[in-house]
Every structure is written in structure tokens, then in C-alpha cells.
Protein backbone atom coordinates (compact mmCIF):
# COMPACT_ATOMS: atom_id res chain seq x y z
CA MET A 1 117.30 115.72 81.47
CA SER A 2 117.19 114.41 85.04
CA ASN A 3 113.37 114.34 84.88
CA LEU A 4 113.54 112.10 81.80
CA ARG A 5 116.08 109.89 83.56
CA ASP A 6 113.88 109.69 86.68
CA LEU A 7 110.88 108.80 84.51
CA ALA A 8 112.85 106.10 82.68
CA THR A 9 114.18 104.71 85.96
CA GLU A 10 110.68 104.64 87.41
CA ASN A 11 109.51 102.64 84.38
CA ILE A 12 112.58 100.46 83.98
CA GLU A 13 110.58 97.27 84.57
CA GLN A 14 108.30 98.04 81.62
CA LEU A 15 111.17 99.08 79.33
CA VAL A 16 113.20 95.96 80.01
CA ALA A 17 110.09 93.73 79.83
CA ILE A 18 109.40 94.80 76.23
CA GLY A 19 112.95 93.99 75.23
CA GLU A 20 114.59 97.38 75.56
CA ARG A 21 118.19 97.37 76.71
CA PHE A 22 118.55 99.86 79.52
CA LYS A 23 121.69 101.78 80.51
CA ILE A 24 122.18 103.15 84.00
CA MET A 25 125.15 104.59 85.91
CA VAL A 26 126.47 102.63 88.88
CA THR A 27 125.84 104.76 91.97
CA GLY A 28 127.04 102.66 94.87
CA TYR A 29 130.03 100.77 96.22
CA SER A 30 128.36 97.41 96.80
CA MET A 31 129.62 95.85 93.56
CA LEU A 32 133.26 96.92 93.81
CA PRO A 33 135.72 96.10 92.41
CA LEU A 34 134.03 94.84 89.22
CA LEU A 35 131.56 97.73 88.97
CA GLY A 36 132.62 101.16 90.11
CA TYR A 37 130.71 104.06 91.62
CA GLY A 38 130.25 106.85 89.10
CA ARG A 39 132.68 105.37 86.59
CA ASP A 40 130.73 102.52 85.01
CA VAL A 41 127.45 102.34 83.11
CA ILE A 42 125.71 98.97 83.09
CA VAL A 43 123.56 97.68 80.25
CA LEU A 44 120.64 95.50 81.31
CA ARG A 45 118.56 93.10 79.31
CA ARG A 46 115.41 91.15 80.04
CA VAL A 47 115.84 87.80 81.74
CA ASP A 48 113.64 84.83 80.88
CA GLU A 49 111.94 82.90 83.69
CA GLU A 50 113.83 79.71 82.76
CA GLU A 51 117.24 81.34 82.31
CA ALA A 52 120.02 80.30 84.68
CA ILE A 53 120.90 83.40 86.69
CA VAL A 54 122.90 82.13 89.66
CA GLY A 55 126.27 83.87 89.48
CA ARG A 56 124.97 86.66 87.23
CA VAL A 57 124.68 90.31 88.22
CA ALA A 58 121.01 91.25 88.14
CA MET A 59 118.68 94.11 89.02
CA PHE A 60 115.61 94.18 91.24
CA ARG A 61 113.66 96.71 93.28
CA SER A 62 113.83 96.58 97.06
CA THR A 63 110.66 96.77 99.15
CA ASP A 64 111.29 100.50 99.57
CA ARG A 65 111.41 100.87 95.73
CA HIS A 66 115.19 101.42 95.43
CA ILE A 67 116.88 99.85 92.44
CA ILE A 68 119.52 97.34 93.51
CA VAL A 69 122.11 95.63 91.32
CA HIS A 70 123.78 92.67 93.02
CA ARG A 71 124.97 89.19 92.21
CA VAL A 72 122.53 86.28 92.36
CA VAL A 73 124.07 83.88 94.87
CA ALA A 74 121.26 81.33 95.20
CA LEU A 75 117.72 80.35 94.35
CA GLU A 76 115.37 78.97 97.00
CA GLY A 77 112.16 77.95 95.30
CA ASP A 78 110.70 81.14 93.79
CA GLU A 79 113.03 83.36 95.85
CA VAL A 80 116.24 84.85 94.47
CA ILE A 81 119.02 85.65 96.94
CA PHE A 82 121.37 88.52 96.09
CA GLN A 83 124.64 89.72 97.55
CA GLY A 84 126.89 92.62 96.57
CA ASP A 85 130.45 91.70 95.57
CA GLY A 86 131.69 94.53 97.76
CA ASN A 87 129.42 93.67 100.68
CA PRO A 88 129.92 90.03 101.68
CA TYR A 89 127.82 90.36 104.85
CA GLN A 90 124.37 91.42 103.64
CA ARG A 91 121.91 89.52 101.48
CA GLU A 92 118.66 90.65 99.86
CA ARG A 93 115.77 88.64 98.48
CA CYS A 94 113.05 89.01 95.91
CA LEU A 95 110.76 86.74 93.96
CA ARG A 96 112.03 85.36 90.64
CA ASN A 97 109.39 87.29 88.68
CA GLU A 98 110.59 90.54 90.35
CA VAL A 99 114.06 90.33 88.78
CA ILE A 100 114.10 93.20 86.30
CA GLY A 101 117.05 92.09 84.20
CA VAL A 102 120.63 90.90 84.09
CA VAL A 103 123.70 92.98 83.41
CA GLU A 104 124.87 92.12 79.92
CA GLU A 105 127.62 94.72 79.42
CA VAL A 106 129.58 97.35 81.27
CA ILE A 107 130.59 100.61 79.60
CA ARG A 108 133.79 101.77 81.25
CA GLU A 109 134.75 105.36 81.94
CA ASP A 110 137.00 105.42 78.86
CA GLY A 111 134.15 104.24 76.60
CA ARG A 112 135.21 100.59 76.31
CA THR A 113 132.35 98.11 76.36
CA VAL A 114 132.97 94.91 78.29
CA SER A 115 130.68 91.90 77.90
CA CYS A 116 129.77 90.17 81.17
CA THR A 117 129.71 86.78 79.46
CA THR A 118 133.32 86.58 78.26
CA PRO A 119 135.80 84.15 79.81
CA THR A 120 137.92 87.12 80.98
CA TRP A 121 134.99 88.70 82.86
CA ARG A 122 134.01 85.34 84.38
CA LEU A 123 137.62 84.77 85.51
CA ARG A 124 137.72 88.17 87.23
CA GLU A 125 134.48 87.34 89.03
CA ARG A 126 135.76 83.96 90.21
CA VAL A 127 139.11 85.32 91.37
CA TRP A 128 137.47 88.11 93.39
CA LEU A 129 134.71 85.98 94.88
CA ARG A 130 137.12 83.24 95.97
CA GLN A 131 139.20 85.60 98.08
CA PRO A 132 138.79 85.16 101.84
CA THR A 133 136.39 87.68 103.37
CA VAL A 134 139.21 89.37 105.32
CA VAL A 135 141.22 89.92 102.11
CA ARG A 136 138.16 91.32 100.33
CA ARG A 137 137.39 93.59 103.28
CA TYR A 138 140.82 95.26 103.30
CA ALA A 139 141.05 95.41 99.50
CA LEU A 140 137.63 97.10 99.39
CA ALA A 141 138.68 99.69 101.96
CA ILE A 142 141.66 100.63 99.79
CA ILE A 143 139.60 100.63 96.57
CA ARG A 144 136.93 102.87 98.14
CA ARG A 145 139.52 105.36 99.37
CA LEU A 146 141.16 105.50 95.95
CA ALA A 147 137.79 105.94 94.24
CA ASN A 148 136.83 108.77 96.62
CA CYS A 149 140.16 110.55 96.04
CA LYS A 150 139.76 110.22 92.28
CA ARG A 151 136.19 111.61 92.42
CA LYS A 152 137.27 114.56 94.58
CA ASN A 153 140.13 115.40 92.20
CA ARG A 154 137.72 115.38 89.22
CA GLY A 155 135.06 117.54 90.82
């Protein structure tokens, strides 16, 4: 099974480009608190070249071929600038045509599907992103500790 998953992940650009929706487990902390490590599955869809993506959570491949899912914070010409919600200090860049897709839905641990385009989701994003960096920093430290304790108790 993991070989099939690795193969699909390696070809994610082609799958999304032909219109396939792609599901993948969140495996990092950089998008906390909206997307959680090991608890959420994201559903991606193709993004059109003309589509407005600033503010959306999107996927791209880093120069070292790692898949990264972060929020689009700005466009500078053909460059897209990304930043993780849980990492307000680091930014990444890629070309617009290198954006693989946008996150359309999140499947929560309990099986609920949450659309990333609803007013409730957008409100959560705005509330979190408008917090001062110092508040986000301490809140993230607590959230990470709780997530680690929960994972240890499960496994």
C-alpha cells in the first residue's frame, strides 16, 4: 500500500492536472491550528491559471522535491509566495505554473468533511491570521504539545 501511495504522491502533479481530486494526510505542523498533523486529510483540486489564489491553502513542490502545503500570502508577477499558518517567520516561493492545486476540503479525524470555501472556514482563517505573532507563537506551542501527547496516547 505504501508503494502505491508513494507512486501516487510522486505523480500528484499529473493526477491533479487531469482533474483528479487528490487526498493526502497532513504530515507537518506548519499549518496548525487549521490543519493538524496526522489527524486531517486534505482534498486538493486543480487550480486554473487565472483563479484568484491569494489567501487559499495550496500545494507546490519545493526545489528539493518535497510536497509543501501552505497559504498563498502574495503574488509577485509570476511568483507565488507561501507561508505556513503555524510558521509566521518563513516564506517559500514558486512559479504560478508550479502550483499543483488548492485545498478544497478537509476530512477530519472523525470523518466529517469541511469545505474550505464556507464562511465558517474563512472566519476561522481570518481570526487566526489576525492574531499578533506573539499570541500565535504561544498558542502554537500549546497546540503542538497537546497534539504530541494525543499521538503518543494513541500509539
